[in-house]
């Protein structure tokens, strides 16, 4: 799997037409767009490798602020995760649901993101019987989504639960605890609880 993905990534750069490269500077986005065109055929008999590659593309497009390009990759990744369920981990399906939710949220489609987060949370809660970062992170996503949908009263307990779990999981200063505090403050502010926020 690692070798196939490595060959694909190397091929992304080798596929650049030298004549085109001389005319203008090739951007990361152009290389990614070319990779997207070939990812389906390059991994046609290796869905697990294709899934890993699509999740990498989701991450890169997201970091480039190209959520419109990340969304089809997230949709394809979820289909692949569900298809390979026999050989894959249910954790990966839950992660793909979150990635799809984040892509939809970033495009202002929070109403569509919400059921993805809810399904992911239910799955993670079945997988992890105790406190776990996956559960707390998904609770945060769910709270942010509800908050953006104008439902801060529903978001508040999710945000509080996420923060409490992060605090149990991490001692002292931690980025996830800080994020949980920030998200809770956002819910409280939207509820008019400025002093608490």
N, C-alpha and C. Protein backbone atom coordinates (compact mmCIF):
# COMPACT_ATOMS: atom_id res chain seq x y z
N UNK A 1 0.84 -1.20 0.00
CA UNK A 1 0.00 0.00 0.00
C UNK A 1 0.87 1.24 0.00
N UNK A 2 1.86 1.28 0.90
CA UNK A 2 2.74 2.44 1.00
C UNK A 2 3.53 2.65 -0.29
N UNK A 3 3.99 1.55 -0.89
CA UNK A 3 4.76 1.65 -2.14
C UNK A 3 3.88 2.19 -3.27
N UNK A 4 2.66 1.70 -3.35
CA UNK A 4 1.76 2.15 -4.41
C UNK A 4 1.45 3.64 -4.27
N UNK A 5 1.19 4.07 -3.04
CA UNK A 5 0.90 5.49 -2.80
C UNK A 5 2.13 6.33 -3.12
N UNK A 6 3.30 5.84 -2.73
CA UNK A 6 4.55 6.55 -3.02
C UNK A 6 4.76 6.70 -4.53
N UNK A 7 4.50 5.62 -5.28
CA UNK A 7 4.65 5.68 -6.74
C UNK A 7 3.67 6.68 -7.34
N UNK A 8 2.45 6.70 -6.81
CA UNK A 8 1.45 7.64 -7.31
C UNK A 8 1.87 9.08 -7.05
N UNK A 9 2.34 9.36 -5.83
CA UNK A 9 2.77 10.72 -5.49
C UNK A 9 3.96 11.15 -6.34
N UNK A 10 4.90 10.25 -6.55
CA UNK A 10 6.05 10.56 -7.40
C UNK A 10 5.58 10.82 -8.82
N UNK A 11 4.64 10.01 -9.27
CA UNK A 11 4.09 10.18 -10.61
C UNK A 11 3.37 11.49 -10.81
N UNK A 12 2.79 12.02 -9.73
CA UNK A 12 2.13 13.33 -9.81
C UNK A 12 3.09 14.39 -10.33
N UNK A 13 4.32 14.34 -9.85
CA UNK A 13 5.31 15.34 -10.25
C UNK A 13 5.92 15.00 -11.61
N UNK A 14 6.07 13.71 -11.88
CA UNK A 14 6.64 13.31 -13.16
C UNK A 14 5.68 13.55 -14.32
N UNK A 15 4.39 13.66 -14.02
CA UNK A 15 3.40 13.85 -15.08
C UNK A 15 3.37 15.28 -15.62
N UNK A 16 4.11 16.17 -14.98
CA UNK A 16 4.13 17.56 -15.43
C UNK A 16 4.79 17.61 -16.81
N UNK A 17 4.08 18.20 -17.75
CA UNK A 17 4.59 18.34 -19.11
C UNK A 17 5.71 19.39 -19.10
N UNK A 18 6.95 19.00 -19.49
CA UNK A 18 8.06 19.97 -19.48
C UNK A 18 7.80 21.20 -20.33
N UNK A 19 7.08 21.02 -21.44
CA UNK A 19 6.77 22.17 -22.31
C UNK A 19 5.87 23.16 -21.58
N UNK A 20 4.91 22.65 -20.83
CA UNK A 20 4.01 23.51 -20.05
C UNK A 20 4.77 24.17 -18.92
N UNK A 21 5.63 23.39 -18.25
CA UNK A 21 6.39 23.90 -17.11
C UNK A 21 7.29 25.07 -17.51
N UNK A 22 7.78 25.06 -18.76
CA UNK A 22 8.64 26.16 -19.22
C UNK A 22 7.85 27.44 -19.43
N UNK A 23 6.57 27.30 -19.73
CA UNK A 23 5.75 28.47 -20.03
C UNK A 23 5.30 29.21 -18.77
N UNK A 24 5.07 28.49 -17.71
CA UNK A 24 4.68 29.14 -16.46
C UNK A 24 5.03 28.23 -15.28
N UNK A 25 5.06 28.86 -14.12
CA UNK A 25 5.37 28.10 -12.90
C UNK A 25 4.17 27.22 -12.55
N UNK A 26 4.44 25.92 -12.36
CA UNK A 26 3.39 24.97 -12.02
C UNK A 26 3.04 25.13 -10.53
N UNK A 27 1.76 25.21 -10.23
CA UNK A 27 1.33 25.38 -8.84
C UNK A 27 0.99 24.02 -8.22
N UNK A 28 0.98 24.01 -6.90
CA UNK A 28 0.59 22.80 -6.17
C UNK A 28 -0.83 22.41 -6.57
N UNK A 29 -1.69 23.41 -6.75
CA UNK A 29 -3.07 23.13 -7.11
C UNK A 29 -3.17 22.42 -8.46
N UNK A 30 -2.35 22.81 -9.42
CA UNK A 30 -2.37 22.16 -10.74
C UNK A 30 -1.94 20.69 -10.62
N UNK A 31 -0.94 20.44 -9.79
CA UNK A 31 -0.47 19.07 -9.58
C UNK A 31 -1.57 18.25 -8.91
N UNK A 32 -2.22 18.84 -7.92
CA UNK A 32 -3.32 18.15 -7.22
C UNK A 32 -4.48 17.87 -8.17
N UNK A 33 -4.83 18.86 -8.98
CA UNK A 33 -5.94 18.67 -9.91
C UNK A 33 -5.65 17.53 -10.89
N UNK A 34 -4.41 17.43 -11.30
CA UNK A 34 -4.02 16.32 -12.19
C UNK A 34 -4.11 14.99 -11.45
N UNK A 35 -3.71 14.98 -10.18
CA UNK A 35 -3.78 13.76 -9.37
C UNK A 35 -5.23 13.30 -9.22
N UNK A 36 -6.14 14.25 -9.02
CA UNK A 36 -7.56 13.92 -8.87
C UNK A 36 -8.09 13.26 -10.13
N UNK A 37 -7.62 13.73 -11.28
CA UNK A 37 -8.10 13.15 -12.54
C UNK A 37 -7.68 11.69 -12.70
N UNK A 38 -6.57 11.31 -12.07
CA UNK A 38 -6.05 9.95 -12.28
C UNK A 38 -6.18 9.02 -11.08
N UNK A 39 -6.60 9.54 -9.93
CA UNK A 39 -6.60 8.72 -8.71
C UNK A 39 -7.52 7.51 -8.83
N UNK A 40 -8.67 7.68 -9.46
CA UNK A 40 -9.61 6.57 -9.58
C UNK A 40 -9.08 5.41 -10.40
N UNK A 41 -8.41 5.72 -11.50
CA UNK A 41 -7.87 4.66 -12.36
C UNK A 41 -6.55 4.10 -11.83
N UNK A 42 -5.80 4.92 -11.13
CA UNK A 42 -4.50 4.46 -10.61
C UNK A 42 -4.66 3.42 -9.51
N UNK A 43 -5.77 3.45 -8.81
CA UNK A 43 -5.99 2.53 -7.69
C UNK A 43 -7.24 1.68 -7.90
N UNK A 44 -7.56 1.39 -9.17
CA UNK A 44 -8.84 0.73 -9.47
C UNK A 44 -9.02 -0.61 -8.77
N UNK A 45 -7.93 -1.33 -8.53
CA UNK A 45 -8.04 -2.63 -7.86
C UNK A 45 -7.55 -2.61 -6.42
N UNK A 46 -7.27 -1.41 -5.90
CA UNK A 46 -6.76 -1.28 -4.55
C UNK A 46 -7.53 -0.19 -3.80
N UNK A 47 -8.77 -0.51 -3.41
CA UNK A 47 -9.61 0.53 -2.77
C UNK A 47 -9.03 1.07 -1.47
N UNK A 48 -8.30 0.26 -0.72
CA UNK A 48 -7.73 0.75 0.55
C UNK A 48 -6.65 1.79 0.28
N UNK A 49 -5.84 1.55 -0.75
CA UNK A 49 -4.81 2.54 -1.13
C UNK A 49 -5.45 3.80 -1.69
N UNK A 50 -6.50 3.61 -2.50
CA UNK A 50 -7.20 4.77 -3.04
C UNK A 50 -7.82 5.60 -1.92
N UNK A 51 -8.37 4.93 -0.93
CA UNK A 51 -8.96 5.63 0.22
C UNK A 51 -7.91 6.48 0.92
N UNK A 52 -6.74 5.91 1.16
CA UNK A 52 -5.66 6.66 1.83
C UNK A 52 -5.25 7.88 1.00
N UNK A 53 -5.18 7.69 -0.32
CA UNK A 53 -4.78 8.79 -1.20
C UNK A 53 -5.84 9.88 -1.23
N UNK A 54 -7.10 9.49 -1.29
CA UNK A 54 -8.18 10.49 -1.31
C UNK A 54 -8.22 11.27 0.00
N UNK A 55 -7.95 10.60 1.11
CA UNK A 55 -7.94 11.31 2.40
C UNK A 55 -6.79 12.31 2.45
N UNK A 56 -5.67 11.97 1.82
CA UNK A 56 -4.55 12.91 1.73
C UNK A 56 -4.96 14.12 0.90
N UNK A 57 -5.65 13.88 -0.22
CA UNK A 57 -6.10 14.98 -1.08
C UNK A 57 -7.10 15.88 -0.35
N UNK A 58 -7.99 15.29 0.46
CA UNK A 58 -8.94 16.09 1.25
C UNK A 58 -8.17 17.04 2.16
N UNK A 59 -7.17 16.50 2.84
CA UNK A 59 -6.38 17.28 3.78
C UNK A 59 -5.67 18.44 3.08
N UNK A 60 -5.03 18.15 1.95
CA UNK A 60 -4.27 19.18 1.24
C UNK A 60 -5.20 20.25 0.68
N UNK A 61 -6.28 19.83 0.03
CA UNK A 61 -7.23 20.82 -0.50
C UNK A 61 -7.80 21.68 0.63
N UNK A 62 -8.10 21.06 1.76
CA UNK A 62 -8.61 21.81 2.91
C UNK A 62 -7.63 22.86 3.38
N UNK A 63 -6.36 22.49 3.45
CA UNK A 63 -5.32 23.43 3.89
C UNK A 63 -5.11 24.55 2.88
N UNK A 64 -5.41 24.28 1.62
CA UNK A 64 -5.29 25.31 0.58
C UNK A 64 -6.56 26.17 0.49
N UNK A 65 -7.56 25.85 1.34
CA UNK A 65 -8.81 26.59 1.30
C UNK A 65 -9.67 26.26 0.09
N UNK A 66 -9.43 25.10 -0.51
CA UNK A 66 -10.20 24.67 -1.69
C UNK A 66 -11.22 23.62 -1.27
N UNK A 67 -12.16 24.05 -0.45
CA UNK A 67 -13.16 23.11 0.08
C UNK A 67 -14.07 22.56 -1.01
N UNK A 68 -14.25 23.34 -2.09
CA UNK A 68 -15.05 22.85 -3.21
C UNK A 68 -14.39 21.65 -3.87
N UNK A 69 -13.06 21.61 -3.83
CA UNK A 69 -12.31 20.47 -4.39
C UNK A 69 -12.21 19.33 -3.38
N UNK A 70 -12.20 19.68 -2.10
CA UNK A 70 -12.11 18.65 -1.05
C UNK A 70 -13.39 17.83 -0.96
N UNK A 71 -14.54 18.47 -1.20
CA UNK A 71 -15.83 17.79 -1.03
C UNK A 71 -15.98 16.52 -1.87
N UNK A 72 -15.73 16.54 -3.19
CA UNK A 72 -15.89 15.30 -3.95
C UNK A 72 -14.93 14.20 -3.49
N UNK A 73 -13.76 14.61 -3.00
CA UNK A 73 -12.81 13.62 -2.48
C UNK A 73 -13.34 13.00 -1.18
N UNK A 74 -13.97 13.84 -0.35
CA UNK A 74 -14.54 13.35 0.91
C UNK A 74 -15.70 12.40 0.64
N UNK A 75 -16.52 12.72 -0.35
CA UNK A 75 -17.63 11.84 -0.72
C UNK A 75 -17.12 10.50 -1.23
N UNK A 76 -16.10 10.56 -2.08
CA UNK A 76 -15.51 9.32 -2.63
C UNK A 76 -14.84 8.51 -1.53
N UNK A 77 -14.16 9.19 -0.60
CA UNK A 77 -13.49 8.49 0.50
C UNK A 77 -14.49 7.74 1.37
N UNK A 78 -15.61 8.37 1.67
CA UNK A 78 -16.63 7.71 2.48
C UNK A 78 -17.18 6.47 1.77
N UNK A 79 -17.45 6.61 0.47
CA UNK A 79 -17.93 5.44 -0.30
C UNK A 79 -16.91 4.30 -0.25
N UNK A 80 -15.63 4.64 -0.39
CA UNK A 80 -14.58 3.62 -0.36
C UNK A 80 -14.46 2.99 1.02
N UNK A 81 -14.56 3.81 2.06
CA UNK A 81 -14.48 3.29 3.44
C UNK A 81 -15.61 2.31 3.70
N UNK A 82 -16.81 2.65 3.23
CA UNK A 82 -17.95 1.76 3.42
C UNK A 82 -17.81 0.49 2.58
N UNK A 83 -17.27 0.64 1.40
CA UNK A 83 -17.08 -0.50 0.49
C UNK A 83 -16.05 -1.48 1.04
N UNK A 84 -15.00 -0.95 1.66
CA UNK A 84 -13.91 -1.80 2.17
C UNK A 84 -14.11 -2.16 3.63
N UNK A 85 -15.31 -2.00 4.13
CA UNK A 85 -15.59 -2.21 5.56
C UNK A 85 -15.10 -3.57 6.05
N UNK A 86 -15.23 -4.59 5.21
CA UNK A 86 -14.77 -5.92 5.61
C UNK A 86 -13.29 -5.95 5.91
N UNK A 87 -12.50 -5.21 5.11
CA UNK A 87 -11.06 -5.21 5.33
C UNK A 87 -10.60 -3.99 6.11
N UNK A 88 -11.48 -3.00 6.24
CA UNK A 88 -11.09 -1.77 6.92
C UNK A 88 -11.67 -1.69 8.31
N UNK A 89 -11.33 -0.64 9.00
CA UNK A 89 -11.78 -0.43 10.36
C UNK A 89 -13.00 0.48 10.36
N UNK A 90 -14.00 0.19 11.20
CA UNK A 90 -15.13 1.12 11.32
C UNK A 90 -14.67 2.52 11.73
N UNK A 91 -13.53 2.61 12.42
CA UNK A 91 -12.98 3.91 12.80
C UNK A 91 -12.79 4.77 11.56
N UNK A 92 -12.33 4.15 10.48
CA UNK A 92 -12.07 4.90 9.26
C UNK A 92 -13.37 5.46 8.67
N UNK A 93 -14.45 4.71 8.78
CA UNK A 93 -15.74 5.21 8.29
C UNK A 93 -16.15 6.43 9.11
N UNK A 94 -16.02 6.36 10.42
CA UNK A 94 -16.37 7.48 11.28
C UNK A 94 -15.49 8.70 10.96
N UNK A 95 -14.21 8.48 10.73
CA UNK A 95 -13.31 9.58 10.37
C UNK A 95 -13.73 10.20 9.04
N UNK A 96 -14.09 9.35 8.07
CA UNK A 96 -14.53 9.86 6.77
C UNK A 96 -15.84 10.63 6.88
N UNK A 97 -16.73 10.21 7.76
CA UNK A 97 -17.96 10.97 8.00
C UNK A 97 -17.63 12.36 8.52
N UNK A 98 -16.66 12.45 9.43
CA UNK A 98 -16.24 13.76 9.94
C UNK A 98 -15.62 14.61 8.84
N UNK A 99 -14.78 14.01 8.01
CA UNK A 99 -14.13 14.76 6.93
C UNK A 99 -15.17 15.29 5.95
N UNK A 100 -16.19 14.48 5.66
CA UNK A 100 -17.26 14.93 4.79
C UNK A 100 -18.04 16.07 5.46
N UNK A 101 -18.32 15.91 6.74
CA UNK A 101 -19.01 16.97 7.48
C UNK A 101 -18.23 18.27 7.46
N UNK A 102 -16.93 18.20 7.67
CA UNK A 102 -16.10 19.41 7.67
C UNK A 102 -16.09 20.08 6.31
N UNK A 103 -16.04 19.28 5.24
CA UNK A 103 -16.07 19.85 3.88
C UNK A 103 -17.40 20.55 3.62
N UNK A 104 -18.49 19.91 4.02
CA UNK A 104 -19.81 20.51 3.83
C UNK A 104 -19.95 21.79 4.66
N UNK A 105 -19.51 21.72 5.92
CA UNK A 105 -19.56 22.89 6.80
C UNK A 105 -18.80 24.06 6.21
N UNK A 106 -17.61 23.79 5.69
CA UNK A 106 -16.76 24.85 5.14
C UNK A 106 -17.41 25.52 3.94
N UNK A 107 -18.30 24.80 3.27
CA UNK A 107 -19.00 25.35 2.11
C UNK A 107 -20.35 25.96 2.49
N UNK A 108 -20.61 26.07 3.81
CA UNK A 108 -21.85 26.67 4.28
C UNK A 108 -23.04 25.73 4.21
N UNK A 109 -22.76 24.44 4.13
CA UNK A 109 -23.84 23.44 4.02
C UNK A 109 -23.95 22.67 5.34
N UNK A 110 -24.09 23.42 6.43
CA UNK A 110 -24.10 22.84 7.77
C UNK A 110 -25.27 21.88 8.00
N UNK A 111 -26.41 22.17 7.39
CA UNK A 111 -27.58 21.28 7.56
C UNK A 111 -27.27 19.89 7.02
N UNK A 112 -26.47 19.81 5.95
CA UNK A 112 -26.07 18.52 5.39
C UNK A 112 -24.95 17.88 6.21
N UNK A 113 -24.13 18.71 6.85
CA UNK A 113 -23.02 18.20 7.65
C UNK A 113 -23.51 17.55 8.94
N UNK A 114 -24.56 18.12 9.52
CA UNK A 114 -25.06 17.67 10.83
C UNK A 114 -25.29 16.17 10.93
N UNK A 115 -26.04 15.52 10.00
CA UNK A 115 -26.24 14.07 10.15
C UNK A 115 -24.95 13.26 10.02
N UNK A 116 -23.98 13.81 9.30
CA UNK A 116 -22.68 13.11 9.19
C UNK A 116 -21.98 13.09 10.54
N UNK A 117 -21.97 14.24 11.23
CA UNK A 117 -21.35 14.30 12.56
C UNK A 117 -22.09 13.40 13.55
N UNK A 118 -23.42 13.41 13.47
CA UNK A 118 -24.21 12.59 14.39
C UNK A 118 -23.92 11.10 14.18
N UNK A 119 -23.82 10.69 12.91
CA UNK A 119 -23.52 9.28 12.62
C UNK A 119 -22.11 8.92 13.07
N UNK A 120 -21.17 9.84 12.87
CA UNK A 120 -19.79 9.61 13.30
C UNK A 120 -19.71 9.48 14.82
N UNK A 121 -20.39 10.38 15.53
CA UNK A 121 -20.37 10.34 16.99
C UNK A 121 -20.93 9.01 17.50
N UNK A 122 -22.05 8.58 16.95
CA UNK A 122 -22.66 7.31 17.38
C UNK A 122 -21.70 6.15 17.14
N UNK A 123 -21.02 6.19 16.01
CA UNK A 123 -20.07 5.12 15.68
C UNK A 123 -18.88 5.13 16.65
N UNK A 124 -18.30 6.32 16.88
CA UNK A 124 -17.17 6.42 17.80
C UNK A 124 -17.56 5.99 19.22
N UNK A 125 -18.78 6.33 19.63
CA UNK A 125 -19.22 5.94 20.98
C UNK A 125 -19.38 4.43 21.10
N UNK A 126 -19.72 3.75 20.01
CA UNK A 126 -19.78 2.28 20.03
C UNK A 126 -18.38 1.67 20.04
N UNK A 127 -17.46 2.31 19.31
CA UNK A 127 -16.09 1.78 19.19
C UNK A 127 -15.31 1.99 20.48
N UNK A 128 -15.36 3.21 21.02
CA UNK A 128 -14.61 3.57 22.22
C UNK A 128 -15.57 3.58 23.40
N UNK A 129 -15.38 2.72 24.32
CA UNK A 129 -16.32 2.61 25.45
C UNK A 129 -16.09 3.70 26.51
N UNK A 130 -14.89 4.28 26.52
CA UNK A 130 -14.56 5.31 27.51
C UNK A 130 -14.19 6.61 26.81
N UNK A 131 -13.71 7.58 27.58
CA UNK A 131 -13.26 8.85 27.01
C UNK A 131 -12.25 8.59 25.90
N UNK A 132 -12.39 9.34 24.82
CA UNK A 132 -11.45 9.21 23.70
C UNK A 132 -11.44 10.52 22.91
N UNK A 133 -10.29 10.87 22.37
CA UNK A 133 -10.16 12.09 21.58
C UNK A 133 -11.13 12.10 20.40
N UNK A 134 -11.34 10.95 19.77
CA UNK A 134 -12.27 10.88 18.63
C UNK A 134 -13.67 11.33 19.04
N UNK A 135 -14.11 10.91 20.20
CA UNK A 135 -15.45 11.28 20.68
C UNK A 135 -15.51 12.77 20.99
N UNK A 136 -14.52 13.26 21.73
CA UNK A 136 -14.50 14.68 22.11
C UNK A 136 -14.41 15.58 20.88
N UNK A 137 -13.57 15.21 19.92
CA UNK A 137 -13.42 16.00 18.69
C UNK A 137 -14.73 16.05 17.92
N UNK A 138 -15.41 14.91 17.82
CA UNK A 138 -16.67 14.87 17.08
C UNK A 138 -17.76 15.65 17.81
N UNK A 139 -17.75 15.60 19.14
CA UNK A 139 -18.69 16.43 19.91
C UNK A 139 -18.46 17.91 19.61
N UNK A 140 -17.20 18.29 19.49
CA UNK A 140 -16.87 19.68 19.14
C UNK A 140 -17.40 20.04 17.76
N UNK A 141 -17.17 19.16 16.78
CA UNK A 141 -17.67 19.41 15.42
C UNK A 141 -19.18 19.58 15.43
N UNK A 142 -19.83 18.69 16.16
CA UNK A 142 -21.29 18.71 16.26
C UNK A 142 -21.78 20.02 16.89
N UNK A 143 -21.10 20.44 17.96
CA UNK A 143 -21.47 21.69 18.64
C UNK A 143 -21.28 22.89 17.71
N UNK A 144 -20.17 22.94 17.01
CA UNK A 144 -19.91 24.04 16.09
C UNK A 144 -20.95 24.08 14.98
N UNK A 145 -21.32 22.91 14.49
CA UNK A 145 -22.32 22.82 13.42
C UNK A 145 -23.68 23.32 13.91
N UNK A 146 -24.10 22.85 15.08
CA UNK A 146 -25.38 23.29 15.66
C UNK A 146 -25.36 24.80 15.90
N UNK A 147 -24.24 25.29 16.39
CA UNK A 147 -24.09 26.72 16.66
C UNK A 147 -24.24 27.52 15.37
N UNK A 148 -23.61 27.05 14.30
CA UNK A 148 -23.68 27.77 13.02
C UNK A 148 -25.08 27.68 12.40
N UNK A 149 -25.84 26.67 12.79
CA UNK A 149 -27.22 26.54 12.32
C UNK A 149 -28.20 27.37 13.17
N UNK A 150 -27.65 28.15 14.13
CA UNK A 150 -28.49 28.98 14.97
C UNK A 150 -29.19 28.20 16.07
N UNK A 151 -28.55 27.10 16.50
CA UNK A 151 -29.12 26.26 17.56
C UNK A 151 -28.15 26.14 18.74
N UNK A 152 -27.75 27.30 19.32
CA UNK A 152 -26.74 27.28 20.39
C UNK A 152 -27.20 26.54 21.64
N UNK A 153 -28.49 26.52 21.92
CA UNK A 153 -28.97 25.81 23.12
C UNK A 153 -28.71 24.31 22.99
N UNK A 154 -28.81 23.77 21.78
CA UNK A 154 -28.50 22.35 21.55
C UNK A 154 -26.99 22.14 21.51
N UNK A 155 -26.27 23.14 21.03
CA UNK A 155 -24.82 23.03 20.91
C UNK A 155 -24.13 23.05 22.28
N UNK A 156 -24.69 23.83 23.22
CA UNK A 156 -24.04 24.04 24.52
C UNK A 156 -23.69 22.74 25.25
N UNK A 157 -24.63 21.79 25.46
CA UNK A 157 -24.25 20.57 26.20
C UNK A 157 -23.21 19.73 25.46
N UNK A 158 -23.25 19.78 24.13
CA UNK A 158 -22.24 19.03 23.35
C UNK A 158 -20.86 19.65 23.57
N UNK A 159 -20.82 20.97 23.54
CA UNK A 159 -19.57 21.69 23.74
C UNK A 159 -19.04 21.47 25.15
N UNK A 160 -19.92 21.50 26.14
CA UNK A 160 -19.51 21.24 27.54
C UNK A 160 -18.98 19.82 27.69
N UNK A 161 -19.64 18.86 27.08
CA UNK A 161 -19.20 17.46 27.17
C UNK A 161 -17.84 17.27 26.50
N UNK A 162 -17.64 17.93 25.35
CA UNK A 162 -16.36 17.84 24.64
C UNK A 162 -15.23 18.41 25.50
N UNK A 163 -15.47 19.59 26.06
CA UNK A 163 -14.45 20.24 26.90
C UNK A 163 -14.13 19.37 28.12
N UNK A 164 -15.14 18.87 28.79
CA UNK A 164 -14.91 18.03 29.98
C UNK A 164 -14.09 16.79 29.62
N UNK A 165 -14.38 16.20 28.47
CA UNK A 165 -13.65 15.00 28.06
C UNK A 165 -12.19 15.35 27.73
N UNK A 166 -11.99 16.45 26.99
CA UNK A 166 -10.63 16.88 26.68
C UNK A 166 -9.85 17.14 27.97
N UNK A 167 -10.49 17.75 28.97
CA UNK A 167 -9.81 18.04 30.23
C UNK A 167 -9.46 16.76 30.99
N UNK A 168 -10.31 15.74 30.88
CA UNK A 168 -9.98 14.45 31.51
C UNK A 168 -8.85 13.75 30.77
N UNK A 169 -8.77 13.94 29.47
CA UNK A 169 -7.77 13.25 28.65
C UNK A 169 -6.40 13.92 28.70
N UNK A 170 -6.38 15.24 28.92
CA UNK A 170 -5.12 16.00 28.86
C UNK A 170 -4.88 16.76 30.15
N UNK A 171 -3.67 16.69 30.61
CA UNK A 171 -3.28 17.43 31.81
C UNK A 171 -2.63 18.75 31.41
N UNK A 172 -2.96 19.81 32.13
CA UNK A 172 -2.32 21.10 31.87
C UNK A 172 -2.78 21.73 30.57
N UNK A 173 -1.96 22.66 30.07
CA UNK A 173 -2.29 23.36 28.84
C UNK A 173 -2.23 22.40 27.66
N UNK A 174 -3.26 22.45 26.83
CA UNK A 174 -3.32 21.56 25.67
C UNK A 174 -4.14 22.25 24.58
N UNK A 175 -3.73 22.15 23.31
CA UNK A 175 -4.47 22.80 22.23
C UNK A 175 -5.93 22.34 22.13
N UNK A 176 -6.20 21.07 22.39
CA UNK A 176 -7.58 20.58 22.28
C UNK A 176 -8.45 21.14 23.40
N UNK A 177 -7.87 21.30 24.60
CA UNK A 177 -8.61 21.92 25.71
C UNK A 177 -8.88 23.39 25.35
N UNK A 178 -7.87 24.07 24.80
CA UNK A 178 -8.05 25.48 24.41
C UNK A 178 -9.14 25.61 23.36
N UNK A 179 -9.16 24.71 22.38
CA UNK A 179 -10.19 24.74 21.35
C UNK A 179 -11.58 24.48 21.96
N UNK A 180 -11.63 23.54 22.89
CA UNK A 180 -12.89 23.26 23.57
C UNK A 180 -13.41 24.47 24.34
N UNK A 181 -12.51 25.18 25.02
CA UNK A 181 -12.89 26.40 25.74
C UNK A 181 -13.43 27.46 24.78
N UNK A 182 -12.74 27.61 23.67
CA UNK A 182 -13.15 28.60 22.67
C UNK A 182 -14.54 28.27 22.11
N UNK A 183 -14.76 26.99 21.81
CA UNK A 183 -16.06 26.59 21.26
C UNK A 183 -17.19 26.77 22.27
N UNK A 184 -16.89 26.45 23.53
CA UNK A 184 -17.89 26.66 24.59
C UNK A 184 -18.23 28.15 24.72
N UNK A 185 -17.21 28.98 24.69
CA UNK A 185 -17.42 30.43 24.78
C UNK A 185 -18.28 30.93 23.63
N UNK A 186 -18.08 30.39 22.45
CA UNK A 186 -18.87 30.78 21.28
C UNK A 186 -20.35 30.44 21.48
N UNK A 187 -20.62 29.24 22.00
CA UNK A 187 -22.01 28.85 22.30
C UNK A 187 -22.63 29.79 23.34
N UNK A 188 -21.86 30.05 24.40
CA UNK A 188 -22.37 30.91 25.47
C UNK A 188 -22.65 32.33 24.96
N UNK A 189 -21.76 32.82 24.12
CA UNK A 189 -21.95 34.17 23.56
C UNK A 189 -23.22 34.22 22.71
N UNK A 190 -23.44 33.16 21.92
CA UNK A 190 -24.64 33.13 21.08
C UNK A 190 -25.93 32.99 21.90
N UNK A 191 -25.79 32.53 23.13
CA UNK A 191 -26.95 32.41 24.03
C UNK A 191 -27.12 33.66 24.89
N UNK A 192 -26.26 34.65 24.67
CA UNK A 192 -26.34 35.89 25.45
C UNK A 192 -25.68 35.79 26.80
N UNK A 193 -24.88 34.75 27.02
CA UNK A 193 -24.18 34.57 28.30
C UNK A 193 -22.76 35.14 28.21
N UNK A 194 -22.70 36.45 28.00
CA UNK A 194 -21.41 37.11 27.74
C UNK A 194 -20.42 36.97 28.90
N UNK A 195 -20.90 37.09 30.12
CA UNK A 195 -20.00 37.02 31.27
C UNK A 195 -19.36 35.63 31.35
N UNK A 196 -20.15 34.60 31.14
CA UNK A 196 -19.63 33.22 31.18
C UNK A 196 -18.66 33.00 30.02
N UNK A 197 -19.01 33.54 28.86
CA UNK A 197 -18.15 33.38 27.67
C UNK A 197 -16.81 34.06 27.90
